[in-house]
Amino acid sequence: MKKELMDILVCPVCKRELQLSVEEENETEIVTGSLYCAKCDVNYPIVDTIPNLLPPDQRH
């Protein structure tokens, strides 16, 4: 995921700002990590550079 996406990404449930936590990144992208919504208390994983922004009840 490109860091620039943080300017436009919001929680899919409440539309609030997300907090980024980076576990691994390369020169151009975040490879693994998570996006956290404090209001909903939900983590959205970033795996292989792709953020999974499905609401928790729609995952699996």
PDB file of N, CA and C in Angstrom:
ATOM      1  N   MET A   1       0.835  -1.161   0.000  1.00  0.00           N
ATOM      2  CA  MET A   1       0.000   0.000   0.000  1.00  0.00           C
ATOM      3  C   MET A   1       0.890   1.238   0.000  1.00  0.00           C
ATOM      4  N   LYS A   2       0.598   2.158  -0.831  1.00  0.00           N
ATOM      5  CA  LYS A   2       1.343   3.417  -0.868  1.00  0.00           C
ATOM      6  C   LYS A   2       0.926   4.301   0.310  1.00  0.00           C
ATOM      7  N   LYS A   3       1.895   4.938   0.947  1.00  0.00           N
ATOM      8  CA  LYS A   3       1.601   5.802   2.095  1.00  0.00           C
ATOM      9  C   LYS A   3       0.669   6.952   1.726  1.00  0.00           C
ATOM     10  N   GLU A   4       0.703   7.370   0.470  1.00  0.00           N
ATOM     11  CA  GLU A   4      -0.141   8.485   0.030  1.00  0.00           C
ATOM     12  C   GLU A   4      -1.630   8.162   0.166  1.00  0.00           C
ATOM     13  N   LEU A   5      -1.966   6.868   0.184  1.00  0.00           N
ATOM     14  CA  LEU A   5      -3.371   6.477   0.331  1.00  0.00           C
ATOM     15  C   LEU A   5      -3.948   6.887   1.680  1.00  0.00           C
ATOM     16  N   MET A   6      -3.101   7.133   2.670  1.00  0.00           N
ATOM     17  CA  MET A   6      -3.582   7.540   3.980  1.00  0.00           C
ATOM     18  C   MET A   6      -4.358   8.854   3.915  1.00  0.00           C
ATOM     19  N   ASP A   7      -4.106   9.642   2.878  1.00  0.00           N
ATOM     20  CA  ASP A   7      -4.827  10.908   2.714  1.00  0.00           C
ATOM     21  C   ASP A   7      -6.296  10.701   2.363  1.00  0.00           C
ATOM     22  N   ILE A   8      -6.626   9.533   1.790  1.00  0.00           N
ATOM     23  CA  ILE A   8      -8.004   9.313   1.344  1.00  0.00           C
ATOM     24  C   ILE A   8      -8.703   8.137   2.013  1.00  0.00           C
ATOM     25  N   LEU A   9      -7.954   7.245   2.668  1.00  0.00           N
ATOM     26  CA  LEU A   9      -8.571   6.080   3.298  1.00  0.00           C
ATOM     27  C   LEU A   9      -9.269   6.459   4.601  1.00  0.00           C
ATOM     28  N   VAL A  10     -10.471   5.914   4.800  1.00  0.00           N
ATOM     29  CA  VAL A  10     -11.215   6.097   6.039  1.00  0.00           C
ATOM     30  C   VAL A  10     -11.812   4.754   6.447  1.00  0.00           C
ATOM     31  N   CYS A  11     -12.277   4.675   7.668  1.00  0.00           N
ATOM     32  CA  CYS A  11     -12.932   3.461   8.147  1.00  0.00           C
ATOM     33  C   CYS A  11     -14.181   3.210   7.302  1.00  0.00           C
ATOM     34  N   PRO A  12     -14.349   1.989   6.791  1.00  0.00           N
ATOM     35  CA  PRO A  12     -15.516   1.704   5.964  1.00  0.00           C
ATOM     36  C   PRO A  12     -16.835   1.684   6.752  1.00  0.00           C
ATOM     37  N   VAL A  13     -16.754   1.595   8.068  1.00  0.00           N
ATOM     38  CA  VAL A  13     -17.958   1.541   8.891  1.00  0.00           C
ATOM     39  C   VAL A  13     -18.407   2.934   9.321  1.00  0.00           C
ATOM     40  N   CYS A  14     -17.495   3.704   9.940  1.00  0.00           N
ATOM     41  CA  CYS A  14     -17.877   5.006  10.496  1.00  0.00           C
ATOM     42  C   CYS A  14     -17.331   6.205   9.721  1.00  0.00           C
ATOM     43  N   LYS A  15     -16.464   5.951   8.746  1.00  0.00           N
ATOM     44  CA  LYS A  15     -15.874   6.995   7.886  1.00  0.00           C
ATOM     45  C   LYS A  15     -14.899   7.912   8.609  1.00  0.00           C
ATOM     46  N   ARG A  16     -14.367   7.463   9.736  1.00  0.00           N
ATOM     47  CA  ARG A  16     -13.377   8.255  10.479  1.00  0.00           C
ATOM     48  C   ARG A  16     -11.958   7.931  10.016  1.00  0.00           C
ATOM     49  N   GLU A  17     -11.025   8.747  10.448  1.00  0.00           N
ATOM     50  CA  GLU A  17      -9.611   8.589  10.100  1.00  0.00           C
ATOM     51  C   GLU A  17      -9.048   7.280  10.657  1.00  0.00           C
ATOM     52  N   LEU A  18      -8.128   6.677   9.910  1.00  0.00           N
ATOM     53  CA  LEU A  18      -7.464   5.442  10.327  1.00  0.00           C
ATOM     54  C   LEU A  18      -6.035   5.734  10.755  1.00  0.00           C
ATOM     55  N   GLN A  19      -5.536   4.959  11.707  1.00  0.00           N
ATOM     56  CA  GLN A  19      -4.159   5.079  12.168  1.00  0.00           C
ATOM     57  C   GLN A  19      -3.340   3.947  11.554  1.00  0.00           C
ATOM     58  N   LEU A  20      -2.200   4.297  11.000  1.00  0.00           N
ATOM     59  CA  LEU A  20      -1.335   3.341  10.320  1.00  0.00           C
ATOM     60  C   LEU A  20      -0.294   2.766  11.268  1.00  0.00           C
ATOM     61  N   SER A  21      -0.139   1.443  11.226  1.00  0.00           N
ATOM     62  CA  SER A  21       0.925   0.743  11.948  1.00  0.00           C
ATOM     63  C   SER A  21       1.678  -0.102  10.924  1.00  0.00           C
ATOM     64  N   VAL A  22       2.974   0.176  10.763  1.00  0.00           N
ATOM     65  CA  VAL A  22       3.781  -0.494   9.750  1.00  0.00           C
ATOM     66  C   VAL A  22       4.645  -1.578  10.387  1.00  0.00           C
ATOM     67  N   GLU A  23       4.552  -2.792   9.843  1.00  0.00           N
ATOM     68  CA  GLU A  23       5.422  -3.883  10.286  1.00  0.00           C
ATOM     69  C   GLU A  23       6.593  -4.052   9.327  1.00  0.00           C
ATOM     70  N   GLU A  24       6.320  -3.948   8.023  1.00  0.00           N
ATOM     71  CA  GLU A  24       7.364  -4.088   7.008  1.00  0.00           C
ATOM     72  C   GLU A  24       7.051  -3.163   5.845  1.00  0.00           C
ATOM     73  N   GLU A  25       8.094  -2.493   5.353  1.00  0.00           N
ATOM     74  CA  GLU A  25       7.933  -1.649   4.169  1.00  0.00           C
ATOM     75  C   GLU A  25       9.181  -1.712   3.313  1.00  0.00           C
ATOM     76  N   ASN A  26       9.012  -1.396   2.035  1.00  0.00           N
ATOM     77  CA  ASN A  26      10.160  -1.296   1.146  1.00  0.00           C
ATOM     78  C   ASN A  26      10.285   0.152   0.693  1.00  0.00           C
ATOM     79  N   GLU A  27      11.029   0.419  -0.357  1.00  0.00           N
ATOM     80  CA  GLU A  27      11.281   1.795  -0.792  1.00  0.00           C
ATOM     81  C   GLU A  27      10.009   2.520  -1.223  1.00  0.00           C
ATOM     82  N   THR A  28       9.027   1.788  -1.709  1.00  0.00           N
ATOM     83  CA  THR A  28       7.849   2.441  -2.293  1.00  0.00           C
ATOM     84  C   THR A  28       6.534   2.148  -1.595  1.00  0.00           C
ATOM     85  N   GLU A  29       6.445   1.030  -0.846  1.00  0.00           N
ATOM     86  CA  GLU A  29       5.147   0.634  -0.305  1.00  0.00           C
ATOM     87  C   GLU A  29       5.239   0.018   1.087  1.00  0.00           C
ATOM     88  N   ILE A  30       4.109   0.021   1.772  1.00  0.00           N
ATOM     89  CA  ILE A  30       3.966  -0.710   3.024  1.00  0.00           C
ATOM     90  C   ILE A  30       3.595  -2.139   2.652  1.00  0.00           C
ATOM     91  N   VAL A  31       4.403  -3.091   3.061  1.00  0.00           N
ATOM     92  CA  VAL A  31       4.198  -4.495   2.696  1.00  0.00           C
ATOM     93  C   VAL A  31       3.238  -5.165   3.677  1.00  0.00           C
ATOM     94  N   THR A  32       3.490  -5.011   4.979  1.00  0.00           N
ATOM     95  CA  THR A  32       2.592  -5.560   5.998  1.00  0.00           C
ATOM     96  C   THR A  32       2.402  -4.551   7.112  1.00  0.00           C
ATOM     97  N   GLY A  33       1.252  -4.639   7.755  1.00  0.00           N
ATOM     98  CA  GLY A  33       0.921  -3.734   8.843  1.00  0.00           C
ATOM     99  C   GLY A  33      -0.572  -3.757   9.069  1.00  0.00           C
ATOM    100  N   SER A  34      -1.084  -2.654   9.595  1.00  0.00           N
ATOM    101  CA  SER A  34      -2.522  -2.584   9.819  1.00  0.00           C
ATOM    102  C   SER A  34      -2.983  -1.138   9.857  1.00  0.00           C
ATOM    103  N   LEU A  35      -4.271  -0.984   9.649  1.00  0.00           N
ATOM    104  CA  LEU A  35      -4.954   0.294   9.768  1.00  0.00           C
ATOM    105  C   LEU A  35      -5.947   0.143  10.912  1.00  0.00           C
ATOM    106  N   TYR A  36      -5.960   1.104  11.843  1.00  0.00           N
ATOM    107  CA  TYR A  36      -6.778   0.973  13.041  1.00  0.00           C
ATOM    108  C   TYR A  36      -7.781   2.116  13.131  1.00  0.00           C
ATOM    109  N   CYS A  37      -9.036   1.768  13.423  1.00  0.00           N
ATOM    110  CA  CYS A  37     -10.070   2.768  13.688  1.00  0.00           C
ATOM    111  C   CYS A  37     -10.313   2.799  15.190  1.00  0.00           C
ATOM    112  N   ALA A  38      -9.985   3.920  15.821  1.00  0.00           N
ATOM    113  CA  ALA A  38     -10.139   4.047  17.268  1.00  0.00           C
ATOM    114  C   ALA A  38     -11.612   4.065  17.673  1.00  0.00           C
ATOM    115  N   LYS A  39     -12.462   4.661  16.881  1.00  0.00           N
ATOM    116  CA  LYS A  39     -13.890   4.736  17.225  1.00  0.00           C
ATOM    117  C   LYS A  39     -14.534   3.349  17.216  1.00  0.00           C
ATOM    118  N   CYS A  40     -14.268   2.552  16.186  1.00  0.00           N
ATOM    119  CA  CYS A  40     -14.850   1.210  16.072  1.00  0.00           C
ATOM    120  C   CYS A  40     -14.030   0.152  16.802  1.00  0.00           C
ATOM    121  N   ASP A  41     -12.796   0.503  17.189  1.00  0.00           N
ATOM    122  CA  ASP A  41     -11.848  -0.429  17.816  1.00  0.00           C
ATOM    123  C   ASP A  41     -11.633  -1.661  16.930  1.00  0.00           C
ATOM    124  N   VAL A  42     -11.318  -1.394  15.643  1.00  0.00           N
ATOM    125  CA  VAL A  42     -11.132  -2.461  14.658  1.00  0.00           C
ATOM    126  C   VAL A  42      -9.814  -2.255  13.929  1.00  0.00           C
ATOM    127  N   ASN A  43      -9.072  -3.341  13.728  1.00  0.00           N
ATOM    128  CA  ASN A  43      -7.857  -3.338  12.917  1.00  0.00           C
ATOM    129  C   ASN A  43      -8.163  -3.898  11.539  1.00  0.00           C
ATOM    130  N   TYR A  44      -7.658  -3.237  10.518  1.00  0.00           N
ATOM    131  CA  TYR A  44      -7.768  -3.702   9.136  1.00  0.00           C
ATOM    132  C   TYR A  44      -6.358  -4.073   8.681  1.00  0.00           C
ATOM    133  N   PRO A  45      -6.117  -5.333   8.359  1.00  0.00           N
ATOM    134  CA  PRO A  45      -4.756  -5.781   8.035  1.00  0.00           C
ATOM    135  C   PRO A  45      -4.288  -5.310   6.659  1.00  0.00           C
ATOM    136  N   ILE A  46      -2.974  -5.113   6.559  1.00  0.00           N
ATOM    137  CA  ILE A  46      -2.306  -4.885   5.275  1.00  0.00           C
ATOM    138  C   ILE A  46      -1.420  -6.102   5.054  1.00  0.00           C
ATOM    139  N   VAL A  47      -1.694  -6.865   3.998  1.00  0.00           N
ATOM    140  CA  VAL A  47      -0.949  -8.089   3.700  1.00  0.00           C
ATOM    141  C   VAL A  47      -0.501  -8.040   2.247  1.00  0.00           C
ATOM    142  N   ASP A  48       0.786  -8.260   2.019  1.00  0.00           N
ATOM    143  CA  ASP A  48       1.350  -8.229   0.659  1.00  0.00           C
ATOM    144  C   ASP A  48       0.966  -6.954  -0.076  1.00  0.00           C
ATOM    145  N   THR A  49       1.078  -5.829   0.601  1.00  0.00           N
ATOM    146  CA  THR A  49       0.820  -4.466   0.099  1.00  0.00           C
ATOM    147  C   THR A  49      -0.654  -4.142  -0.121  1.00  0.00           C
ATOM    148  N   ILE A  50      -1.574  -5.041   0.251  1.00  0.00           N
ATOM    149  CA  ILE A  50      -2.998  -4.816  -0.001  1.00  0.00           C
ATOM    150  C   ILE A  50      -3.750  -4.636   1.317  1.00  0.00           C
ATOM    151  N   PRO A  51      -4.381  -3.462   1.524  1.00  0.00           N
ATOM    152  CA  PRO A  51      -5.189  -3.283   2.728  1.00  0.00           C
ATOM    153  C   PRO A  51      -6.538  -3.981   2.575  1.00  0.00           C
ATOM    154  N   ASN A  52      -6.945  -4.719   3.597  1.00  0.00           N
ATOM    155  CA  ASN A  52      -8.246  -5.388   3.598  1.00  0.00           C
ATOM    156  C   ASN A  52      -9.208  -4.508   4.390  1.00  0.00           C
ATOM    157  N   LEU A  53     -10.009  -3.743   3.680  1.00  0.00           N
ATOM    158  CA  LEU A  53     -10.923  -2.816   4.331  1.00  0.00           C
ATOM    159  C   LEU A  53     -12.357  -3.340   4.391  1.00  0.00           C
ATOM    160  N   LEU A  54     -12.497  -4.658   4.348  1.00  0.00           N
ATOM    161  CA  LEU A  54     -13.828  -5.215   4.544  1.00  0.00           C
ATOM    162  C   LEU A  54     -14.224  -5.031   6.010  1.00  0.00           C
ATOM    163  N   PRO A  55     -15.477  -4.649   6.264  1.00  0.00           N
ATOM    164  CA  PRO A  55     -15.924  -4.562   7.659  1.00  0.00           C
ATOM    165  C   PRO A  55     -15.781  -5.931   8.325  1.00  0.00           C
ATOM    166  N   PRO A  56     -15.552  -5.948   9.630  1.00  0.00           N
ATOM    167  CA  PRO A  56     -15.300  -7.210  10.344  1.00  0.00           C
ATOM    168  C   PRO A  56     -16.367  -8.273  10.115  1.00  0.00           C
ATOM    169  N   ASP A  57     -17.613  -7.887   9.994  1.00  0.00           N
ATOM    170  CA  ASP A  57     -18.679  -8.877   9.822  1.00  0.00           C
ATOM    171  C   ASP A  57     -18.731  -9.463   8.416  1.00  0.00           C
ATOM    172  N   GLN A  58     -17.927  -8.935   7.489  1.00  0.00           N
ATOM    173  CA  GLN A  58     -17.910  -9.435   6.115  1.00  0.00           C
ATOM    174  C   GLN A  58     -16.608 -10.161   5.762  1.00  0.00           C
ATOM    175  N   ARG A  59     -15.718 -10.338   6.723  1.00  0.00           N
ATOM    176  CA  ARG A  59     -14.459 -11.043   6.483  1.00  0.00           C
ATOM    177  C   ARG A  59     -14.661 -12.550   6.558  1.00  0.00           C
ATOM    178  N   HIS A  60     -13.736 -13.304   5.995  1.00  0.00           N
ATOM    179  CA  HIS A  60     -13.654 -14.780   5.994  1.00  0.00           C
ATOM    180  C   HIS A  60     -14.312 -15.304   4.822  1.00  0.00           C
TER     181      HIS A  60
END
